[in-house]
Every structure is written in C-alpha cells, then in structure tokens.
Amino acid sequence: MSYKAQSYANTAETLIKNLKKRNMEGFYCPTAESAVEKIRELIPEASSVTWGGSETLAEAGILKGLQGCGYELIDRMSAKTPEEKRALYGKIVMADYFLMSSNAITIDGELINIDGAGNRVACLCHGPEHVVIAAGMNKVVKTIEDGVHRVRNAAAPPNSLRVGVKTPCSVTGTCQDCLSDGCICSDLVITRRSMVPGRIKVVLIGEDYGF
C-alpha cells in the first residue's frame, strides 16, 4: 500500500466515525471497483434507482455497474420535453435510492453541495427513501469554508464546461461570484446531519474522482 493510499484509509476511518455521529453511514472502498460492489450490496434487487448529475458516478464506473442488476433504473436524461421532465421528476423524488456525489465533505462529516437548478440537493434533503453518495477522497476538506472554496474554484469551473454553460469561471478558471444566466451555483446546501438515521450512506473511494 502506498503512503497516499494509507493516508486516505486513515482519513476515511476518522471521517466514517464522524458521519455516524451525524446519523449517516460511511463505508471505505480503496478502489472504484470495490465501490461499485459495495453500492450494489447496499441496494436490494428490484429497487428503483436514479441519480443526479455527477462526473464521479461516470468516471468510477458506478452507473455502468448498475446495469443488468435487476434494478428499475430511472434515467433523468431520458425525458426530452418539459412535460416529460416534470413527470419523470415525480418518479425521481419517490425513488427507493438516489445516487450522487458530494462536491466536498468535511473531515467532521458535513456534506457541502452547490447546485444550479437545485434538483440534486432537493433529493439529498428530502424525497428518495435512501441516498447513496460516492466520493473520491480528493473531496475531503477540513472545514465548511474550505469546502465552499473548493466547490467554487475547483468544481464549478470544469462543471460549467461539462454542462455547456458560459460563465465567468468557465473562461477564467476561478470563481467570480457571478449572477449570470448560466450560473450553476444557485443553491448552497450544507448537510450537518440526517434526520432519518442511516438514510444517507457515504461510500468513500480511496482514489481521486470527479471535480
């Protein structure tokens, strides 16, 4: 095991203990492959499963790993018209499992997320029966302030490029605290605890994924 891998494992052990204090369950998987296995283990067959926009879920092979596992997969991108999108969102908020990543996680167990439309953080807060968060250890920060800075300066610029909006940060590479039409930083949500014990499960991956 490399020094970096050992350090990630040590950090994850501390973080998982702190998540437990906040009514959230934490799991550490050293690789993306083991994370896919853990997530499949957490989700019973025949469950309805959906997800929010996430580079981590794609990069780590998690979305691909859900195929052919007996789940009812609800793909938010399958809706084309506004009417279809609204009808599909009704199914998403009532899903058994909602998968996402987190823009940042403090070592003390707080989740930090910023959304453009707010649909992802809405499902994190309320709706789906279970939320499974997959996050690379590169998302772990010391404080909430560090996390917000990370989201705005490390995550938002490439995310703006990913979704194809022209924001100041997509051009300069750093947050300009904009209010532009394409801004993807409309809603800042800090999850300090889960009201329902165990509803939020955090799968920490001992590698770097996402923005």
N, C-alpha and C. Protein backbone atom coordinates (compact mmCIF):
# COMPACT_ATOMS: atom_id res chain seq x y z
N MET A 1 0.84 -1.19 0.00
CA MET A 1 0.00 0.00 0.00
C MET A 1 0.88 1.25 0.00
N SER A 2 0.57 2.19 -0.88
CA SER A 2 1.35 3.42 -0.96
C SER A 2 1.07 4.30 0.25
N TYR A 3 1.93 5.28 0.47
CA TYR A 3 1.72 6.21 1.57
C TYR A 3 0.41 6.99 1.38
N LYS A 4 0.13 7.36 0.14
CA LYS A 4 -1.09 8.10 -0.15
C LYS A 4 -2.32 7.25 0.15
N ALA A 5 -2.27 5.98 -0.26
CA ALA A 5 -3.40 5.08 -0.01
C ALA A 5 -3.61 4.87 1.48
N GLN A 6 -2.51 4.72 2.23
CA GLN A 6 -2.63 4.55 3.68
C GLN A 6 -3.20 5.80 4.33
N SER A 7 -2.76 6.95 3.86
CA SER A 7 -3.28 8.21 4.40
C SER A 7 -4.77 8.36 4.13
N TYR A 8 -5.19 8.00 2.92
CA TYR A 8 -6.62 8.04 2.58
C TYR A 8 -7.41 7.12 3.50
N ALA A 9 -6.89 5.92 3.74
CA ALA A 9 -7.58 4.96 4.61
C ALA A 9 -7.69 5.49 6.03
N ASN A 10 -6.64 6.12 6.52
CA ASN A 10 -6.65 6.69 7.87
C ASN A 10 -7.67 7.82 7.98
N THR A 11 -7.68 8.68 6.96
CA THR A 11 -8.62 9.80 6.94
C THR A 11 -10.06 9.29 6.89
N ALA A 12 -10.29 8.28 6.06
CA ALA A 12 -11.63 7.72 5.92
C ALA A 12 -12.13 7.13 7.24
N GLU A 13 -11.24 6.49 7.98
CA GLU A 13 -11.63 5.91 9.27
C GLU A 13 -12.14 7.00 10.22
N THR A 14 -11.43 8.11 10.26
CA THR A 14 -11.86 9.23 11.09
C THR A 14 -13.18 9.81 10.61
N LEU A 15 -13.30 9.98 9.31
CA LEU A 15 -14.49 10.58 8.72
C LEU A 15 -15.72 9.70 8.96
N ILE A 16 -15.57 8.41 8.80
CA ILE A 16 -16.70 7.48 8.99
C ILE A 16 -17.24 7.56 10.42
N LYS A 17 -16.35 7.69 11.38
CA LYS A 17 -16.79 7.84 12.78
C LYS A 17 -17.59 9.12 12.96
N ASN A 18 -17.16 10.18 12.31
CA ASN A 18 -17.86 11.46 12.43
C ASN A 18 -19.19 11.45 11.68
N LEU A 19 -19.27 10.73 10.57
CA LEU A 19 -20.54 10.58 9.87
C LEU A 19 -21.57 9.88 10.75
N LYS A 20 -21.12 8.87 11.48
CA LYS A 20 -22.01 8.12 12.36
C LYS A 20 -22.65 9.02 13.41
N LYS A 21 -21.87 9.98 13.92
CA LYS A 21 -22.40 10.93 14.91
C LYS A 21 -23.51 11.78 14.31
N ARG A 22 -23.53 11.88 13.01
CA ARG A 22 -24.49 12.74 12.31
C ARG A 22 -25.61 11.92 11.66
N ASN A 23 -25.80 10.68 12.11
CA ASN A 23 -26.85 9.79 11.62
C ASN A 23 -26.63 9.34 10.17
N MET A 24 -25.39 9.42 9.70
CA MET A 24 -25.08 8.95 8.35
C MET A 24 -24.14 7.76 8.43
N GLU A 25 -24.26 6.84 7.48
CA GLU A 25 -23.40 5.67 7.44
C GLU A 25 -22.26 5.90 6.45
N GLY A 26 -21.08 5.49 6.82
CA GLY A 26 -19.93 5.64 5.94
C GLY A 26 -19.25 4.32 5.65
N PHE A 27 -18.71 4.20 4.46
CA PHE A 27 -18.00 2.99 4.04
C PHE A 27 -16.75 3.42 3.28
N TYR A 28 -15.68 2.68 3.44
CA TYR A 28 -14.45 3.00 2.70
C TYR A 28 -14.13 1.88 1.72
N CYS A 29 -13.92 2.25 0.48
CA CYS A 29 -13.55 1.31 -0.57
C CYS A 29 -12.26 1.81 -1.21
N PRO A 30 -11.20 1.03 -1.19
CA PRO A 30 -9.91 1.51 -1.71
C PRO A 30 -9.89 1.77 -3.21
N THR A 31 -10.78 1.11 -3.96
CA THR A 31 -10.80 1.28 -5.41
C THR A 31 -12.22 1.51 -5.91
N ALA A 32 -12.32 1.99 -7.15
CA ALA A 32 -13.63 2.19 -7.76
C ALA A 32 -14.37 0.87 -7.92
N GLU A 33 -13.62 -0.18 -8.26
CA GLU A 33 -14.25 -1.49 -8.44
C GLU A 33 -14.91 -1.97 -7.15
N SER A 34 -14.21 -1.80 -6.04
CA SER A 34 -14.78 -2.22 -4.76
C SER A 34 -15.94 -1.31 -4.36
N ALA A 35 -15.92 -0.06 -4.80
CA ALA A 35 -17.02 0.86 -4.52
C ALA A 35 -18.28 0.43 -5.26
N VAL A 36 -18.12 0.00 -6.51
CA VAL A 36 -19.26 -0.49 -7.29
C VAL A 36 -19.87 -1.70 -6.59
N GLU A 37 -19.03 -2.61 -6.13
CA GLU A 37 -19.52 -3.79 -5.42
C GLU A 37 -20.26 -3.41 -4.15
N LYS A 38 -19.72 -2.46 -3.40
CA LYS A 38 -20.36 -2.02 -2.16
C LYS A 38 -21.72 -1.40 -2.43
N ILE A 39 -21.81 -0.57 -3.45
CA ILE A 39 -23.08 0.09 -3.78
C ILE A 39 -24.12 -0.94 -4.20
N ARG A 40 -23.71 -1.92 -4.99
CA ARG A 40 -24.65 -2.97 -5.37
C ARG A 40 -25.10 -3.78 -4.16
N GLU A 41 -24.20 -3.93 -3.20
CA GLU A 41 -24.52 -4.63 -1.96
C GLU A 41 -25.53 -3.84 -1.12
N LEU A 42 -25.45 -2.52 -1.18
CA LEU A 42 -26.34 -1.66 -0.39
C LEU A 42 -27.74 -1.58 -0.97
N ILE A 43 -27.88 -1.81 -2.28
CA ILE A 43 -29.16 -1.62 -2.96
C ILE A 43 -29.80 -2.97 -3.27
N PRO A 44 -30.94 -3.30 -2.67
CA PRO A 44 -31.59 -4.58 -2.93
C PRO A 44 -32.09 -4.68 -4.38
N GLU A 45 -32.13 -5.88 -4.89
CA GLU A 45 -32.64 -6.12 -6.24
C GLU A 45 -34.09 -5.65 -6.33
N ALA A 46 -34.48 -5.17 -7.50
CA ALA A 46 -35.82 -4.68 -7.81
C ALA A 46 -36.09 -3.28 -7.26
N SER A 47 -35.10 -2.66 -6.62
CA SER A 47 -35.26 -1.29 -6.14
C SER A 47 -35.30 -0.32 -7.32
N SER A 48 -36.04 0.77 -7.15
CA SER A 48 -35.99 1.84 -8.14
C SER A 48 -34.80 2.72 -7.81
N VAL A 49 -33.97 2.97 -8.82
CA VAL A 49 -32.70 3.67 -8.62
C VAL A 49 -32.57 4.81 -9.62
N THR A 50 -32.20 5.97 -9.13
CA THR A 50 -31.96 7.11 -10.00
C THR A 50 -30.74 7.87 -9.51
N TRP A 51 -30.37 8.94 -10.19
CA TRP A 51 -29.12 9.62 -9.84
C TRP A 51 -29.14 11.07 -10.30
N GLY A 52 -28.31 11.87 -9.65
CA GLY A 52 -28.11 13.25 -10.05
C GLY A 52 -26.89 13.37 -10.93
N GLY A 53 -26.73 14.52 -11.55
CA GLY A 53 -25.57 14.73 -12.41
C GLY A 53 -24.28 14.60 -11.62
N SER A 54 -23.36 13.79 -12.12
CA SER A 54 -22.13 13.52 -11.37
C SER A 54 -21.04 12.98 -12.27
N GLU A 55 -19.91 13.66 -12.27
CA GLU A 55 -18.75 13.15 -13.00
C GLU A 55 -18.18 11.93 -12.30
N THR A 56 -18.25 11.91 -10.98
CA THR A 56 -17.72 10.78 -10.20
C THR A 56 -18.44 9.48 -10.55
N LEU A 57 -19.77 9.51 -10.60
CA LEU A 57 -20.54 8.30 -10.89
C LEU A 57 -20.17 7.72 -12.26
N ALA A 58 -19.89 8.61 -13.21
CA ALA A 58 -19.49 8.15 -14.54
C ALA A 58 -18.05 7.67 -14.56
N GLU A 59 -17.14 8.49 -14.02
CA GLU A 59 -15.70 8.17 -14.04
C GLU A 59 -15.40 6.85 -13.33
N ALA A 60 -16.04 6.64 -12.19
CA ALA A 60 -15.75 5.46 -11.37
C ALA A 60 -16.48 4.21 -11.86
N GLY A 61 -17.28 4.33 -12.92
CA GLY A 61 -17.97 3.18 -13.48
C GLY A 61 -19.17 2.73 -12.68
N ILE A 62 -19.67 3.61 -11.82
CA ILE A 62 -20.79 3.23 -10.95
C ILE A 62 -22.09 3.11 -11.74
N LEU A 63 -22.37 4.06 -12.61
CA LEU A 63 -23.60 3.98 -13.40
C LEU A 63 -23.59 2.75 -14.30
N LYS A 64 -22.46 2.48 -14.92
CA LYS A 64 -22.34 1.29 -15.76
C LYS A 64 -22.50 0.03 -14.93
N GLY A 65 -22.00 0.07 -13.69
CA GLY A 65 -22.07 -1.09 -12.82
C GLY A 65 -23.46 -1.43 -12.33
N LEU A 66 -24.41 -0.51 -12.50
CA LEU A 66 -25.79 -0.77 -12.08
C LEU A 66 -26.60 -1.49 -13.16
N GLN A 67 -26.06 -1.50 -14.37
CA GLN A 67 -26.77 -2.12 -15.49
C GLN A 67 -26.86 -3.64 -15.28
N GLY A 68 -28.02 -4.20 -15.61
CA GLY A 68 -28.20 -5.64 -15.56
C GLY A 68 -28.19 -6.24 -14.18
N CYS A 69 -28.52 -5.44 -13.17
CA CYS A 69 -28.51 -5.93 -11.78
C CYS A 69 -29.91 -6.10 -11.21
N GLY A 70 -30.92 -6.02 -12.08
CA GLY A 70 -32.29 -6.21 -11.61
C GLY A 70 -32.91 -4.98 -10.99
N TYR A 71 -32.33 -3.80 -11.23
CA TYR A 71 -32.88 -2.56 -10.70
C TYR A 71 -33.82 -1.91 -11.72
N GLU A 72 -34.76 -1.13 -11.22
CA GLU A 72 -35.55 -0.26 -12.08
C GLU A 72 -34.79 1.06 -12.17
N LEU A 73 -34.09 1.27 -13.27
CA LEU A 73 -33.26 2.46 -13.42
C LEU A 73 -34.07 3.61 -14.01
N ILE A 74 -34.06 4.74 -13.32
CA ILE A 74 -34.79 5.92 -13.77
C ILE A 74 -33.76 6.95 -14.25
N ASP A 75 -33.62 7.07 -15.55
CA ASP A 75 -32.61 7.96 -16.14
C ASP A 75 -33.22 9.33 -16.39
N ARG A 76 -32.75 10.32 -15.66
CA ARG A 76 -33.30 11.67 -15.79
C ARG A 76 -33.08 12.26 -17.17
N MET A 77 -32.09 11.76 -17.91
CA MET A 77 -31.78 12.29 -19.23
C MET A 77 -32.71 11.73 -20.31
N SER A 78 -33.56 10.77 -19.95
CA SER A 78 -34.45 10.16 -20.94
C SER A 78 -35.63 11.07 -21.29
N ALA A 79 -35.93 12.04 -20.43
CA ALA A 79 -37.03 12.98 -20.70
C ALA A 79 -36.56 14.07 -21.65
N LYS A 80 -37.38 14.38 -22.64
CA LYS A 80 -36.99 15.36 -23.66
C LYS A 80 -37.79 16.66 -23.56
N THR A 81 -39.09 16.57 -23.35
CA THR A 81 -39.92 17.77 -23.30
C THR A 81 -40.08 18.24 -21.85
N PRO A 82 -40.47 19.49 -21.65
CA PRO A 82 -40.70 19.98 -20.28
C PRO A 82 -41.74 19.15 -19.54
N GLU A 83 -42.77 18.69 -20.27
CA GLU A 83 -43.81 17.87 -19.65
C GLU A 83 -43.24 16.53 -19.21
N GLU A 84 -42.42 15.92 -20.05
CA GLU A 84 -41.80 14.64 -19.71
C GLU A 84 -40.85 14.79 -18.53
N LYS A 85 -40.11 15.89 -18.51
CA LYS A 85 -39.16 16.13 -17.42
C LYS A 85 -39.88 16.27 -16.08
N ARG A 86 -41.02 16.97 -16.09
CA ARG A 86 -41.77 17.16 -14.85
C ARG A 86 -42.35 15.84 -14.36
N ALA A 87 -42.89 15.05 -15.30
CA ALA A 87 -43.46 13.75 -14.93
C ALA A 87 -42.38 12.82 -14.39
N LEU A 88 -41.21 12.84 -15.03
CA LEU A 88 -40.12 11.97 -14.60
C LEU A 88 -39.58 12.40 -13.24
N TYR A 89 -39.56 13.70 -12.99
CA TYR A 89 -39.06 14.17 -11.69
C TYR A 89 -39.93 13.66 -10.55
N GLY A 90 -41.23 13.48 -10.82
CA GLY A 90 -42.11 12.91 -9.82
C GLY A 90 -41.67 11.50 -9.43
N LYS A 91 -41.19 10.73 -10.41
CA LYS A 91 -40.69 9.39 -10.13
C LYS A 91 -39.35 9.44 -9.41
N ILE A 92 -38.53 10.42 -9.77
CA ILE A 92 -37.20 10.54 -9.16
C ILE A 92 -37.30 10.81 -7.66
N VAL A 93 -38.16 11.74 -7.27
CA VAL A 93 -38.25 12.09 -5.85
C VAL A 93 -38.89 10.99 -5.03
N MET A 94 -39.56 10.04 -5.69
CA MET A 94 -40.17 8.92 -4.98
C MET A 94 -39.38 7.63 -5.13
N ALA A 95 -38.17 7.72 -5.68
CA ALA A 95 -37.35 6.52 -5.90
C ALA A 95 -36.89 5.91 -4.58
N ASP A 96 -36.57 4.63 -4.65
CA ASP A 96 -36.04 3.94 -3.46
C ASP A 96 -34.63 4.44 -3.14
N TYR A 97 -33.82 4.62 -4.19
CA TYR A 97 -32.42 5.02 -4.00
C TYR A 97 -32.05 6.14 -4.96
N PHE A 98 -31.41 7.16 -4.42
CA PHE A 98 -30.89 8.27 -5.21
C PHE A 98 -29.38 8.30 -5.06
N LEU A 99 -28.66 8.21 -6.18
CA LEU A 99 -27.20 8.23 -6.17
C LEU A 99 -26.68 9.60 -6.57
N MET A 100 -25.59 10.02 -5.95
CA MET A 100 -24.97 11.30 -6.27
C MET A 100 -23.56 11.28 -5.73
N SER A 101 -22.82 12.33 -6.01
CA SER A 101 -21.56 12.55 -5.32
C SER A 101 -21.77 13.76 -4.42
N SER A 102 -20.73 14.18 -3.75
CA SER A 102 -20.79 15.40 -2.95
C SER A 102 -19.66 16.29 -3.41
N ASN A 103 -19.93 17.58 -3.54
CA ASN A 103 -18.90 18.50 -4.00
C ASN A 103 -17.73 18.58 -3.03
N ALA A 104 -18.04 18.44 -1.75
CA ALA A 104 -17.00 18.41 -0.72
C ALA A 104 -17.57 17.77 0.54
N ILE A 105 -16.69 17.20 1.36
CA ILE A 105 -17.08 16.60 2.64
C ILE A 105 -16.03 17.01 3.67
N THR A 106 -16.48 17.56 4.78
CA THR A 106 -15.50 17.93 5.80
C THR A 106 -15.08 16.70 6.58
N ILE A 107 -13.91 16.75 7.15
CA ILE A 107 -13.40 15.64 7.96
C ILE A 107 -14.31 15.40 9.16
N ASP A 108 -15.10 16.41 9.52
CA ASP A 108 -16.04 16.30 10.63
C ASP A 108 -17.37 15.69 10.21
N GLY A 109 -17.53 15.39 8.90
CA GLY A 109 -18.72 14.69 8.44
C GLY A 109 -19.83 15.53 7.85
N GLU A 110 -19.55 16.78 7.52
CA GLU A 110 -20.56 17.64 6.90
C GLU A 110 -20.45 17.55 5.37
N LEU A 111 -21.60 17.51 4.70
CA LEU A 111 -21.64 17.44 3.24
C LEU A 111 -21.88 18.84 2.69
N ILE A 112 -21.12 19.22 1.67
CA ILE A 112 -21.24 20.55 1.06
C ILE A 112 -21.55 20.38 -0.42
N ASN A 113 -22.68 20.95 -0.85
CA ASN A 113 -23.08 20.82 -2.24
C ASN A 113 -23.66 22.12 -2.77
N ILE A 114 -23.31 22.44 -4.00
CA ILE A 114 -23.85 23.61 -4.70
C ILE A 114 -24.50 23.14 -6.00
N ASP A 115 -25.72 23.62 -6.26
CA ASP A 115 -26.48 23.22 -7.44
C ASP A 115 -26.91 24.43 -8.25
N GLY A 116 -27.15 24.19 -9.53
CA GLY A 116 -27.70 25.22 -10.38
C GLY A 116 -29.21 25.25 -10.30
N ALA A 117 -29.87 24.14 -10.66
CA ALA A 117 -31.33 24.06 -10.63
C ALA A 117 -31.86 23.64 -9.26
N GLY A 118 -31.02 22.97 -8.48
CA GLY A 118 -31.42 22.55 -7.14
C GLY A 118 -32.06 21.18 -7.06
N ASN A 119 -32.22 20.50 -8.21
CA ASN A 119 -32.88 19.19 -8.18
C ASN A 119 -32.06 18.13 -7.45
N ARG A 120 -30.75 18.20 -7.57
CA ARG A 120 -29.89 17.21 -6.91
C ARG A 120 -29.91 17.39 -5.40
N VAL A 121 -29.73 18.62 -4.94
CA VAL A 121 -29.71 18.85 -3.49
C VAL A 121 -31.10 18.67 -2.89
N ALA A 122 -32.15 18.89 -3.69
CA ALA A 122 -33.51 18.66 -3.20
C ALA A 122 -33.70 17.20 -2.83
N CYS A 123 -33.20 16.30 -3.68
CA CYS A 123 -33.33 14.87 -3.41
C CYS A 123 -32.43 14.43 -2.26
N LEU A 124 -31.32 15.12 -2.09
CA LEU A 124 -30.46 14.84 -0.94
C LEU A 124 -31.20 15.16 0.35
N CYS A 125 -31.90 16.28 0.36
CA CYS A 125 -32.58 16.74 1.58
C CYS A 125 -33.85 15.95 1.87
N HIS A 126 -34.62 15.62 0.83
CA HIS A 126 -35.93 15.01 1.07
C HIS A 126 -36.44 14.37 -0.21
N GLY A 127 -37.18 13.27 -0.06
CA GLY A 127 -37.78 12.63 -1.22
C GLY A 127 -37.43 11.16 -1.30
N PRO A 128 -36.36 10.80 -2.04
CA PRO A 128 -35.99 9.39 -2.15
C PRO A 128 -35.78 8.75 -0.77
N GLU A 129 -36.14 7.48 -0.66
CA GLU A 129 -36.05 6.80 0.64
C GLU A 129 -34.61 6.69 1.12
N HIS A 130 -33.69 6.45 0.20
CA HIS A 130 -32.28 6.32 0.55
C HIS A 130 -31.44 7.18 -0.39
N VAL A 131 -30.34 7.71 0.12
CA VAL A 131 -29.38 8.45 -0.70
C VAL A 131 -28.02 7.80 -0.54
N VAL A 132 -27.39 7.45 -1.65
CA VAL A 132 -26.05 6.87 -1.63
C VAL A 132 -25.10 7.86 -2.31
N ILE A 133 -24.12 8.31 -1.56
CA ILE A 133 -23.15 9.28 -2.06
C ILE A 133 -21.82 8.57 -2.31
N ALA A 134 -21.30 8.69 -3.52
CA ALA A 134 -19.98 8.14 -3.85
C ALA A 134 -19.03 9.32 -4.03
N ALA A 135 -17.92 9.30 -3.31
CA ALA A 135 -17.00 10.43 -3.38
C ALA A 135 -15.55 9.98 -3.27
N GLY A 136 -14.72 10.49 -4.17
CA GLY A 136 -13.29 10.24 -4.06
C GLY A 136 -12.73 10.98 -2.87
N MET A 137 -11.63 10.50 -2.34
CA MET A 137 -11.04 11.13 -1.16
C MET A 137 -10.49 12.52 -1.45
N ASN A 138 -10.38 12.87 -2.72
CA ASN A 138 -9.98 14.24 -3.08
C ASN A 138 -11.04 15.27 -2.71
N LYS A 139 -12.24 14.81 -2.37
CA LYS A 139 -13.32 15.73 -1.99
C LYS A 139 -13.28 16.11 -0.51
N VAL A 140 -12.43 15.45 0.27
CA VAL A 140 -12.41 15.68 1.72
C VAL A 140 -11.62 16.96 2.05
N VAL A 141 -12.24 17.81 2.87
CA VAL A 141 -11.62 19.07 3.28
C VAL A 141 -11.70 19.20 4.79
N LYS A 142 -11.03 20.21 5.33
CA LYS A 142 -11.00 20.37 6.78
C LYS A 142 -12.25 21.07 7.31
N THR A 143 -12.64 22.18 6.69
CA THR A 143 -13.75 22.98 7.21
C THR A 143 -14.80 23.25 6.14
N ILE A 144 -15.95 23.74 6.59
CA ILE A 144 -17.00 24.13 5.65
C ILE A 144 -16.50 25.23 4.72
N GLU A 145 -15.77 26.18 5.27
CA GLU A 145 -15.23 27.27 4.45
C GLU A 145 -14.30 26.73 3.37
N ASP A 146 -13.46 25.75 3.74
CA ASP A 146 -12.58 25.12 2.75
C ASP A 146 -13.40 24.42 1.67
N GLY A 147 -14.50 23.80 2.10
CA GLY A 147 -15.36 23.08 1.16
C GLY A 147 -16.03 24.00 0.17
N VAL A 148 -16.56 25.11 0.64
CA VAL A 148 -17.21 26.07 -0.25
C VAL A 148 -16.19 26.64 -1.24
N HIS A 149 -15.00 26.93 -0.75
CA HIS A 149 -13.94 27.43 -1.64
C HIS A 149 -13.59 26.38 -2.69
N ARG A 150 -13.54 25.13 -2.26
CA ARG A 150 -13.22 24.05 -3.19
C ARG A 150 -14.29 23.94 -4.28
N VAL A 151 -15.56 23.97 -3.86
CA VAL A 151 -16.65 23.84 -4.82
C VAL A 151 -16.60 24.97 -5.85
N ARG A 152 -16.44 26.17 -5.38
CA ARG A 152 -16.50 27.32 -6.28
C ARG A 152 -15.29 27.42 -7.20
N ASN A 153 -14.14 26.97 -6.74
CA ASN A 153 -12.92 27.18 -7.51
C ASN A 153 -12.35 25.93 -8.16
N ALA A 154 -12.64 24.76 -7.59
CA ALA A 154 -12.12 23.52 -8.17
C ALA A 154 -13.20 22.74 -8.92
N ALA A 155 -14.46 22.84 -8.46
CA ALA A 155 -15.53 22.04 -9.06
C ALA A 155 -16.35 22.82 -10.08
N ALA A 156 -16.75 24.04 -9.74
CA ALA A 156 -17.65 24.80 -10.61
C ALA A 156 -17.07 25.11 -12.00
N PRO A 157 -15.80 25.52 -12.12
CA PRO A 157 -15.29 25.81 -13.46
C PRO A 157 -15.37 24.62 -14.43
N PRO A 158 -14.84 23.43 -14.09
CA PRO A 158 -14.99 22.31 -15.02
C PRO A 158 -16.43 21.83 -15.16
N ASN A 159 -17.23 21.96 -14.09
CA ASN A 159 -18.64 21.58 -14.20
C ASN A 159 -19.38 22.47 -15.18
N SER A 160 -19.04 23.75 -15.20
CA SER A 160 -19.66 24.67 -16.16
C SER A 160 -19.32 24.25 -17.59
N LEU A 161 -18.09 23.82 -17.79
CA LEU A 161 -17.69 23.32 -19.11
C LEU A 161 -18.43 22.03 -19.45
N ARG A 162 -18.61 21.17 -18.44
CA ARG A 162 -19.28 19.88 -18.65
C ARG A 162 -20.72 20.06 -19.11
N VAL A 163 -21.44 20.99 -18.49
CA VAL A 163 -22.85 21.18 -18.84
C VAL A 163 -23.04 22.20 -19.96
N GLY A 164 -21.94 22.80 -20.41
CA GLY A 164 -22.01 23.67 -21.58
C GLY A 164 -22.59 25.05 -21.36
N VAL A 165 -22.32 25.63 -20.18
CA VAL A 165 -22.78 27.00 -19.94
C VAL A 165 -21.58 27.94 -19.94
N LYS A 166 -21.82 29.15 -20.41
CA LYS A 166 -20.73 30.12 -20.45
C LYS A 166 -20.83 31.02 -19.22
N THR A 167 -20.02 30.73 -18.25
CA THR A 167 -19.96 31.52 -17.03
C THR A 167 -18.56 32.13 -16.93
N PRO A 168 -18.39 33.16 -16.11
CA PRO A 168 -17.05 33.72 -15.94
C PRO A 168 -16.02 32.68 -15.52
N CYS A 169 -16.41 31.75 -14.63
CA CYS A 169 -15.43 30.76 -14.16
C CYS A 169 -15.05 29.76 -15.24
N SER A 170 -15.97 29.53 -16.20
CA SER A 170 -15.65 28.60 -17.28
C SER A 170 -14.59 29.18 -18.21
N VAL A 171 -14.44 30.51 -18.17
CA VAL A 171 -13.46 31.20 -19.01
C VAL A 171 -12.16 31.45 -18.24
N THR A 172 -12.29 31.92 -16.99
CA THR A 172 -11.10 32.29 -16.21
C THR A 172 -10.54 31.14 -15.38
N GLY A 173 -11.39 30.13 -15.08
CA GLY A 173 -10.94 29.00 -14.27
C GLY A 173 -11.09 29.20 -12.78
N THR A 174 -11.55 30.38 -12.36
CA THR A 174 -11.77 30.65 -10.93
C THR A 174 -13.11 31.34 -10.73
N CYS A 175 -13.67 31.18 -9.54
CA CYS A 175 -14.97 31.76 -9.22
C CYS A 175 -14.92 33.28 -9.28
N GLN A 176 -15.94 33.86 -9.92
CA GLN A 176 -16.08 35.32 -9.98
C GLN A 176 -17.32 35.78 -9.21
N ASP A 177 -17.91 34.86 -8.43
CA ASP A 177 -19.12 35.15 -7.65
C ASP A 177 -20.20 35.74 -8.55
N CYS A 178 -20.43 35.09 -9.69
CA CYS A 178 -21.30 35.65 -10.72
C CYS A 178 -22.78 35.41 -10.43
N LEU A 179 -23.61 36.18 -11.12
CA LEU A 179 -25.06 36.00 -11.12
C LEU A 179 -25.52 35.88 -12.57
N SER A 180 -24.70 35.28 -13.40
CA SER A 180 -25.00 35.17 -14.83
C SER A 180 -26.14 34.18 -15.06
N ASP A 181 -26.75 34.25 -16.24
CA ASP A 181 -27.86 33.36 -16.58
C ASP A 181 -27.45 31.89 -16.52
N GLY A 182 -26.20 31.61 -16.84
CA GLY A 182 -25.74 30.23 -16.86
C GLY A 182 -25.19 29.74 -15.54
N CYS A 183 -25.23 30.56 -14.51
CA CYS A 183 -24.63 30.22 -13.21
C CYS A 183 -25.14 28.88 -12.69
N ILE A 184 -24.22 28.01 -12.28
CA ILE A 184 -24.60 26.71 -11.73
C ILE A 184 -24.47 26.69 -10.21
N CYS A 185 -24.33 27.86 -9.61
CA CYS A 185 -24.18 27.97 -8.16
C CYS A 185 -25.35 28.73 -7.54
N SER A 186 -26.56 28.19 -7.74
CA SER A 186 -27.76 28.86 -7.22
C SER A 186 -28.05 28.50 -5.77
N ASP A 187 -27.87 27.23 -5.44
CA ASP A 187 -28.24 26.73 -4.12
C ASP A 187 -27.05 26.10 -3.41
N LEU A 188 -26.73 26.61 -2.24
CA LEU A 188 -25.67 26.04 -1.41
C LEU A 188 -26.32 25.30 -0.25
N VAL A 189 -26.07 24.00 -0.16
CA VAL A 189 -26.66 23.17 0.89
C VAL A 189 -25.56 22.51 1.71
N ILE A 190 -25.62 22.72 3.00
CA ILE A 190 -24.69 22.07 3.93
C ILE A 190 -25.49 21.09 4.77
N THR A 191 -25.18 19.82 4.64
CA THR A 191 -25.88 18.78 5.38
C THR A 191 -25.07 18.46 6.62
N ARG A 192 -25.56 18.87 7.78
CA ARG A 192 -24.82 18.66 9.02
C ARG A 192 -25.26 17.40 9.75
N ARG A 193 -26.46 16.87 9.39
CA ARG A 193 -26.92 15.60 9.95
C ARG A 193 -28.07 15.09 9.12
N SER A 194 -28.38 13.80 9.29
CA SER A 194 -29.54 13.22 8.64
C SER A 194 -30.65 13.07 9.66
N MET A 195 -31.82 13.62 9.38
CA MET A 195 -32.96 13.48 10.29
C MET A 195 -33.33 12.01 10.47
N VAL A 196 -33.29 11.26 9.35
CA VAL A 196 -33.60 9.83 9.38
C VAL A 196 -32.29 9.07 9.50
N PRO A 197 -32.07 8.36 10.61
CA PRO A 197 -30.80 7.63 10.78
C PRO A 197 -30.55 6.64 9.64
N GLY A 198 -29.37 6.72 9.04
CA GLY A 198 -28.98 5.77 8.01
C GLY A 198 -29.53 6.04 6.63
N ARG A 199 -30.36 7.09 6.47
CA ARG A 199 -30.90 7.37 5.13
C ARG A 199 -29.78 7.73 4.16
N ILE A 200 -28.80 8.48 4.61
CA ILE A 200 -27.68 8.89 3.77
C ILE A 200 -26.49 7.98 4.02
N LYS A 201 -26.02 7.34 2.96
CA LYS A 201 -24.87 6.45 3.04
C LYS A 201 -23.76 7.02 2.16
N VAL A 202 -22.58 7.16 2.73
CA VAL A 202 -21.45 7.76 2.03
C VAL A 202 -20.40 6.70 1.74
N VAL A 203 -20.16 6.46 0.46
CA VAL A 203 -19.14 5.49 0.04
C VAL A 203 -17.91 6.28 -0.39
N LEU A 204 -16.88 6.21 0.43
CA LEU A 204 -15.63 6.93 0.17
C LEU A 204 -14.71 6.04 -0.66
N ILE A 205 -14.19 6.59 -1.74
CA ILE A 205 -13.32 5.84 -2.65
C ILE A 205 -11.89 6.32 -2.46
N GLY A 206 -10.98 5.38 -2.24
CA GLY A 206 -9.58 5.73 -1.97
C GLY A 206 -8.79 6.15 -3.19
N GLU A 207 -9.43 6.86 -4.08
CA GLU A 207 -8.82 7.38 -5.30
C GLU A 207 -9.42 8.75 -5.59
N ASP A 208 -8.90 9.44 -6.57
CA ASP A 208 -9.40 10.77 -6.91
C ASP A 208 -10.39 10.68 -8.06
N TYR A 209 -11.61 11.17 -7.82
CA TYR A 209 -12.65 11.15 -8.84
C TYR A 209 -13.44 12.44 -8.82
N GLY A 210 -13.96 12.81 -9.98
CA GLY A 210 -14.81 13.98 -10.08
C GLY A 210 -14.03 15.28 -9.97
N PHE A 211 -14.79 16.35 -9.84
CA PHE A 211 -14.20 17.69 -9.78
C PHE A 211 -14.13 18.18 -8.34
